Amino acid sequence: MSEWRGNLALNDPRLGDEISAQREIVAWLTANGIDANKVPLDPNCTVTGGWITLTMKVSGPGGIDVLVPGKNDVFKETRTFPLLVEPTGIVRIWLAPKCPTCGR
């Protein structure tokens, strides 16, 4: 797993200080064997029955994100990982469903 490069964008006022929230979420993802560098802005992450399911960016050779032709976006896929470390604190807030109307 590569070292986190600081690209986990959080746009969620429920999380408070973005830097602290990023650190806690990245630590939890990493502890569960997930490369935080491949987690997009809204990964639709869920924890159910001992499994973590989320959307991740697709990587090509050398770990480079695979771009969708003609769009300013990367290919994404749904991946599932075993839950090794339970979510706590900020991570639980990050996992909680957001309002479908306003996104908060």
N, C-alpha and C. Protein backbone atom coordinates (compact mmCIF):
# COMPACT_ATOMS: atom_id res chain seq x y z
N MET A 1 0.84 -1.17 0.00
CA MET A 1 0.00 0.00 0.00
C MET A 1 0.89 1.24 0.00
N SER A 2 0.52 2.20 -0.82
CA SER A 2 1.34 3.40 -0.94
C SER A 2 1.09 4.35 0.23
N GLU A 3 2.03 5.28 0.43
CA GLU A 3 1.88 6.29 1.46
C GLU A 3 0.80 7.27 1.04
N TRP A 4 -0.03 7.68 1.98
CA TRP A 4 -1.11 8.61 1.67
C TRP A 4 -0.55 9.95 1.24
N ARG A 5 -1.08 10.45 0.10
CA ARG A 5 -0.58 11.70 -0.48
C ARG A 5 -1.46 12.91 -0.15
N GLY A 6 -2.44 12.72 0.72
CA GLY A 6 -3.24 13.86 1.16
C GLY A 6 -4.33 14.27 0.20
N ASN A 7 -4.85 13.34 -0.59
CA ASN A 7 -5.87 13.73 -1.57
C ASN A 7 -7.28 13.27 -1.21
N LEU A 8 -7.52 12.87 0.05
CA LEU A 8 -8.87 12.50 0.46
C LEU A 8 -9.63 13.79 0.74
N ALA A 9 -10.44 14.20 -0.21
CA ALA A 9 -11.19 15.45 -0.06
C ALA A 9 -12.43 15.20 0.77
N LEU A 10 -12.67 16.05 1.72
CA LEU A 10 -13.87 15.95 2.56
C LEU A 10 -14.65 17.23 2.41
N ASN A 11 -15.90 17.10 2.05
CA ASN A 11 -16.77 18.26 1.92
C ASN A 11 -18.00 17.99 2.78
N ASP A 12 -17.78 17.93 4.10
CA ASP A 12 -18.84 17.53 5.01
C ASP A 12 -18.73 18.34 6.29
N PRO A 13 -19.60 19.32 6.48
CA PRO A 13 -19.51 20.17 7.67
C PRO A 13 -19.71 19.41 8.98
N ARG A 14 -20.28 18.20 8.93
CA ARG A 14 -20.49 17.40 10.15
C ARG A 14 -19.17 16.96 10.77
N LEU A 15 -18.08 16.99 10.00
CA LEU A 15 -16.81 16.44 10.46
C LEU A 15 -15.93 17.42 11.23
N GLY A 16 -16.30 18.69 11.25
CA GLY A 16 -15.49 19.67 11.98
C GLY A 16 -14.19 19.96 11.24
N ASP A 17 -13.09 20.00 11.98
CA ASP A 17 -11.77 20.31 11.41
C ASP A 17 -11.40 19.28 10.34
N GLU A 18 -11.25 19.75 9.10
CA GLU A 18 -11.02 18.84 7.98
C GLU A 18 -9.71 18.08 8.09
N ILE A 19 -8.65 18.71 8.55
CA ILE A 19 -7.34 18.05 8.65
C ILE A 19 -7.39 16.91 9.66
N SER A 20 -7.96 17.16 10.83
CA SER A 20 -8.08 16.11 11.85
C SER A 20 -8.97 14.97 11.35
N ALA A 21 -10.06 15.34 10.70
CA ALA A 21 -10.98 14.32 10.17
C ALA A 21 -10.28 13.47 9.11
N GLN A 22 -9.53 14.11 8.22
CA GLN A 22 -8.79 13.37 7.19
C GLN A 22 -7.86 12.36 7.83
N ARG A 23 -7.10 12.79 8.82
CA ARG A 23 -6.14 11.89 9.48
C ARG A 23 -6.83 10.68 10.09
N GLU A 24 -7.94 10.92 10.77
CA GLU A 24 -8.65 9.82 11.43
C GLU A 24 -9.26 8.85 10.40
N ILE A 25 -9.84 9.39 9.35
CA ILE A 25 -10.45 8.55 8.31
C ILE A 25 -9.38 7.77 7.56
N VAL A 26 -8.29 8.42 7.20
CA VAL A 26 -7.19 7.75 6.49
C VAL A 26 -6.60 6.64 7.36
N ALA A 27 -6.43 6.90 8.65
CA ALA A 27 -5.89 5.87 9.56
C ALA A 27 -6.82 4.67 9.61
N TRP A 28 -8.13 4.91 9.65
CA TRP A 28 -9.10 3.81 9.69
C TRP A 28 -9.09 3.03 8.38
N LEU A 29 -9.10 3.74 7.25
CA LEU A 29 -9.05 3.07 5.95
C LEU A 29 -7.79 2.20 5.85
N THR A 30 -6.65 2.77 6.20
CA THR A 30 -5.37 2.07 6.12
C THR A 30 -5.36 0.84 7.04
N ALA A 31 -5.89 0.98 8.25
CA ALA A 31 -5.94 -0.15 9.19
C ALA A 31 -6.80 -1.29 8.66
N ASN A 32 -7.70 -0.95 7.75
CA ASN A 32 -8.57 -1.97 7.14
C ASN A 32 -8.07 -2.42 5.77
N GLY A 33 -6.83 -2.06 5.43
CA GLY A 33 -6.23 -2.52 4.18
C GLY A 33 -6.69 -1.79 2.94
N ILE A 34 -7.21 -0.58 3.11
CA ILE A 34 -7.74 0.21 1.99
C ILE A 34 -6.79 1.36 1.70
N ASP A 35 -6.42 1.53 0.43
CA ASP A 35 -5.54 2.62 0.00
C ASP A 35 -6.36 3.91 -0.09
N ALA A 36 -6.17 4.81 0.87
CA ALA A 36 -6.93 6.06 0.91
C ALA A 36 -6.70 6.92 -0.33
N ASN A 37 -5.58 6.71 -1.03
CA ASN A 37 -5.31 7.46 -2.26
C ASN A 37 -6.29 7.10 -3.37
N LYS A 38 -6.96 5.99 -3.24
CA LYS A 38 -7.88 5.53 -4.28
C LYS A 38 -9.35 5.74 -3.90
N VAL A 39 -9.58 6.48 -2.80
CA VAL A 39 -10.94 6.74 -2.35
C VAL A 39 -11.40 8.09 -2.90
N PRO A 40 -12.48 8.12 -3.70
CA PRO A 40 -12.95 9.38 -4.28
C PRO A 40 -13.69 10.25 -3.25
N LEU A 41 -14.10 11.44 -3.66
CA LEU A 41 -14.78 12.38 -2.79
C LEU A 41 -15.98 11.76 -2.10
N ASP A 42 -16.84 11.07 -2.82
CA ASP A 42 -18.01 10.45 -2.21
C ASP A 42 -17.98 8.95 -2.50
N PRO A 43 -17.35 8.17 -1.61
CA PRO A 43 -17.15 6.75 -1.87
C PRO A 43 -18.36 5.87 -1.55
N ASN A 44 -19.46 6.46 -1.06
CA ASN A 44 -20.63 5.67 -0.69
C ASN A 44 -20.23 4.48 0.18
N CYS A 45 -19.44 4.75 1.20
CA CYS A 45 -18.87 3.71 2.06
C CYS A 45 -19.90 3.21 3.06
N THR A 46 -20.03 1.89 3.17
CA THR A 46 -20.91 1.28 4.15
C THR A 46 -20.16 0.16 4.88
N VAL A 47 -20.58 -0.09 6.12
CA VAL A 47 -20.04 -1.19 6.91
C VAL A 47 -21.23 -2.05 7.32
N THR A 48 -21.22 -3.30 6.86
CA THR A 48 -22.32 -4.21 7.14
C THR A 48 -21.80 -5.63 7.29
N GLY A 49 -22.21 -6.29 8.35
CA GLY A 49 -21.90 -7.70 8.52
C GLY A 49 -20.42 -8.03 8.47
N GLY A 50 -19.58 -7.16 9.02
CA GLY A 50 -18.15 -7.42 9.03
C GLY A 50 -17.43 -7.10 7.74
N TRP A 51 -18.09 -6.35 6.85
CA TRP A 51 -17.48 -5.99 5.56
C TRP A 51 -17.62 -4.50 5.31
N ILE A 52 -16.62 -3.92 4.65
CA ILE A 52 -16.63 -2.53 4.21
C ILE A 52 -16.81 -2.53 2.70
N THR A 53 -17.81 -1.82 2.21
CA THR A 53 -18.02 -1.71 0.77
C THR A 53 -17.96 -0.23 0.40
N LEU A 54 -17.17 0.08 -0.62
CA LEU A 54 -17.04 1.46 -1.05
C LEU A 54 -16.63 1.54 -2.51
N THR A 55 -16.82 2.72 -3.08
CA THR A 55 -16.38 3.00 -4.44
C THR A 55 -14.92 3.42 -4.38
N MET A 56 -14.12 2.89 -5.31
CA MET A 56 -12.71 3.25 -5.38
C MET A 56 -12.32 3.58 -6.81
N LYS A 57 -11.30 4.43 -6.94
CA LYS A 57 -10.76 4.76 -8.26
C LYS A 57 -10.03 3.54 -8.81
N VAL A 58 -10.13 3.33 -10.13
CA VAL A 58 -9.43 2.24 -10.81
C VAL A 58 -8.03 2.71 -11.19
N SER A 59 -7.04 1.87 -10.91
CA SER A 59 -5.65 2.18 -11.24
C SER A 59 -5.15 1.36 -12.41
N GLY A 60 -4.31 1.98 -13.21
CA GLY A 60 -3.66 1.29 -14.31
C GLY A 60 -2.23 0.97 -13.94
N PRO A 61 -1.40 0.70 -14.93
CA PRO A 61 0.02 0.41 -14.69
C PRO A 61 0.69 1.55 -13.91
N GLY A 62 1.48 1.19 -12.93
CA GLY A 62 2.18 2.19 -12.14
C GLY A 62 1.30 2.89 -11.12
N GLY A 63 0.06 2.43 -10.94
CA GLY A 63 -0.82 3.02 -9.96
C GLY A 63 -1.50 4.30 -10.40
N ILE A 64 -1.39 4.63 -11.67
CA ILE A 64 -2.00 5.86 -12.21
C ILE A 64 -3.50 5.65 -12.38
N ASP A 65 -4.30 6.66 -11.98
CA ASP A 65 -5.75 6.59 -12.16
C ASP A 65 -6.10 6.44 -13.63
N VAL A 66 -7.07 5.58 -13.93
CA VAL A 66 -7.54 5.37 -15.30
C VAL A 66 -8.66 6.37 -15.58
N LEU A 67 -8.45 7.22 -16.58
CA LEU A 67 -9.42 8.27 -16.91
C LEU A 67 -10.52 7.75 -17.84
N VAL A 68 -11.72 8.30 -17.64
CA VAL A 68 -12.85 8.01 -18.52
C VAL A 68 -12.63 8.86 -19.78
N PRO A 69 -12.56 8.22 -20.97
CA PRO A 69 -12.32 9.00 -22.19
C PRO A 69 -13.36 10.10 -22.39
N GLY A 70 -12.89 11.30 -22.68
CA GLY A 70 -13.78 12.42 -22.98
C GLY A 70 -14.42 13.06 -21.76
N LYS A 71 -14.06 12.64 -20.55
CA LYS A 71 -14.65 13.22 -19.34
C LYS A 71 -13.54 13.59 -18.37
N ASN A 72 -13.84 14.52 -17.52
CA ASN A 72 -12.89 14.92 -16.48
C ASN A 72 -13.17 14.08 -15.23
N ASP A 73 -13.00 12.76 -15.35
CA ASP A 73 -13.30 11.84 -14.26
C ASP A 73 -12.46 10.57 -14.42
N VAL A 74 -12.36 9.81 -13.34
CA VAL A 74 -11.65 8.54 -13.40
C VAL A 74 -12.65 7.40 -13.32
N PHE A 75 -12.25 6.24 -13.87
CA PHE A 75 -13.08 5.06 -13.73
C PHE A 75 -13.13 4.69 -12.26
N LYS A 76 -14.30 4.21 -11.82
CA LYS A 76 -14.46 3.78 -10.43
C LYS A 76 -15.11 2.40 -10.42
N GLU A 77 -14.86 1.67 -9.34
CA GLU A 77 -15.47 0.36 -9.15
C GLU A 77 -15.84 0.20 -7.69
N THR A 78 -16.82 -0.66 -7.43
CA THR A 78 -17.21 -0.97 -6.06
C THR A 78 -16.34 -2.11 -5.56
N ARG A 79 -15.74 -1.93 -4.39
CA ARG A 79 -14.87 -2.94 -3.79
C ARG A 79 -15.35 -3.26 -2.39
N THR A 80 -15.07 -4.46 -1.93
CA THR A 80 -15.43 -4.89 -0.58
C THR A 80 -14.20 -5.44 0.12
N PHE A 81 -14.04 -5.03 1.39
CA PHE A 81 -12.90 -5.43 2.21
C PHE A 81 -13.41 -5.96 3.55
N PRO A 82 -12.68 -6.88 4.18
CA PRO A 82 -13.08 -7.32 5.52
C PRO A 82 -12.88 -6.18 6.53
N LEU A 83 -13.80 -6.06 7.45
CA LEU A 83 -13.70 -5.06 8.51
C LEU A 83 -12.73 -5.58 9.56
N LEU A 84 -11.56 -4.99 9.65
CA LEU A 84 -10.54 -5.40 10.61
C LEU A 84 -10.54 -4.52 11.85
N VAL A 85 -10.88 -3.24 11.67
CA VAL A 85 -10.92 -2.27 12.76
C VAL A 85 -12.27 -1.56 12.72
N GLU A 86 -13.00 -1.61 13.82
CA GLU A 86 -14.32 -0.97 13.90
C GLU A 86 -14.19 0.55 13.76
N PRO A 87 -15.16 1.19 13.11
CA PRO A 87 -15.14 2.65 13.02
C PRO A 87 -15.51 3.29 14.36
N THR A 88 -14.86 4.40 14.68
CA THR A 88 -15.17 5.16 15.89
C THR A 88 -15.16 6.64 15.54
N GLY A 89 -15.63 7.46 16.45
CA GLY A 89 -15.54 8.91 16.36
C GLY A 89 -15.93 9.50 15.01
N ILE A 90 -15.01 10.26 14.44
CA ILE A 90 -15.24 10.95 13.18
C ILE A 90 -15.58 9.97 12.06
N VAL A 91 -14.98 8.80 12.08
CA VAL A 91 -15.24 7.81 11.02
C VAL A 91 -16.71 7.42 11.02
N ARG A 92 -17.31 7.25 12.19
CA ARG A 92 -18.74 6.90 12.26
C ARG A 92 -19.60 8.02 11.68
N ILE A 93 -19.21 9.26 11.93
CA ILE A 93 -19.95 10.39 11.36
C ILE A 93 -19.79 10.39 9.84
N TRP A 94 -18.56 10.16 9.36
CA TRP A 94 -18.28 10.12 7.92
C TRP A 94 -19.10 9.01 7.24
N LEU A 95 -19.29 7.89 7.93
CA LEU A 95 -20.05 6.77 7.36
C LEU A 95 -21.56 6.99 7.39
N ALA A 96 -22.02 7.84 8.29
CA ALA A 96 -23.47 8.05 8.43
C ALA A 96 -24.05 8.63 7.15
N PRO A 97 -25.26 8.17 6.80
CA PRO A 97 -25.90 8.70 5.57
C PRO A 97 -26.07 10.21 5.64
N LYS A 98 -25.89 10.84 4.50
CA LYS A 98 -26.07 12.28 4.40
C LYS A 98 -27.49 12.55 3.90
N CYS A 99 -27.94 13.77 4.09
CA CYS A 99 -29.24 14.19 3.60
C CYS A 99 -29.25 14.09 2.07
N PRO A 100 -30.22 13.37 1.48
CA PRO A 100 -30.25 13.23 0.03
C PRO A 100 -30.56 14.55 -0.70
N THR A 101 -31.13 15.52 0.00
CA THR A 101 -31.47 16.79 -0.62
C THR A 101 -30.29 17.75 -0.64
N CYS A 102 -29.68 17.95 0.54
CA CYS A 102 -28.62 18.96 0.62
C CYS A 102 -27.21 18.39 0.73
N GLY A 103 -27.07 17.08 0.99
CA GLY A 103 -25.76 16.46 1.09
C GLY A 103 -25.06 16.65 2.42
N ARG A 104 -25.77 17.22 3.41
CA ARG A 104 -25.15 17.40 4.73
C ARG A 104 -25.62 16.35 5.69
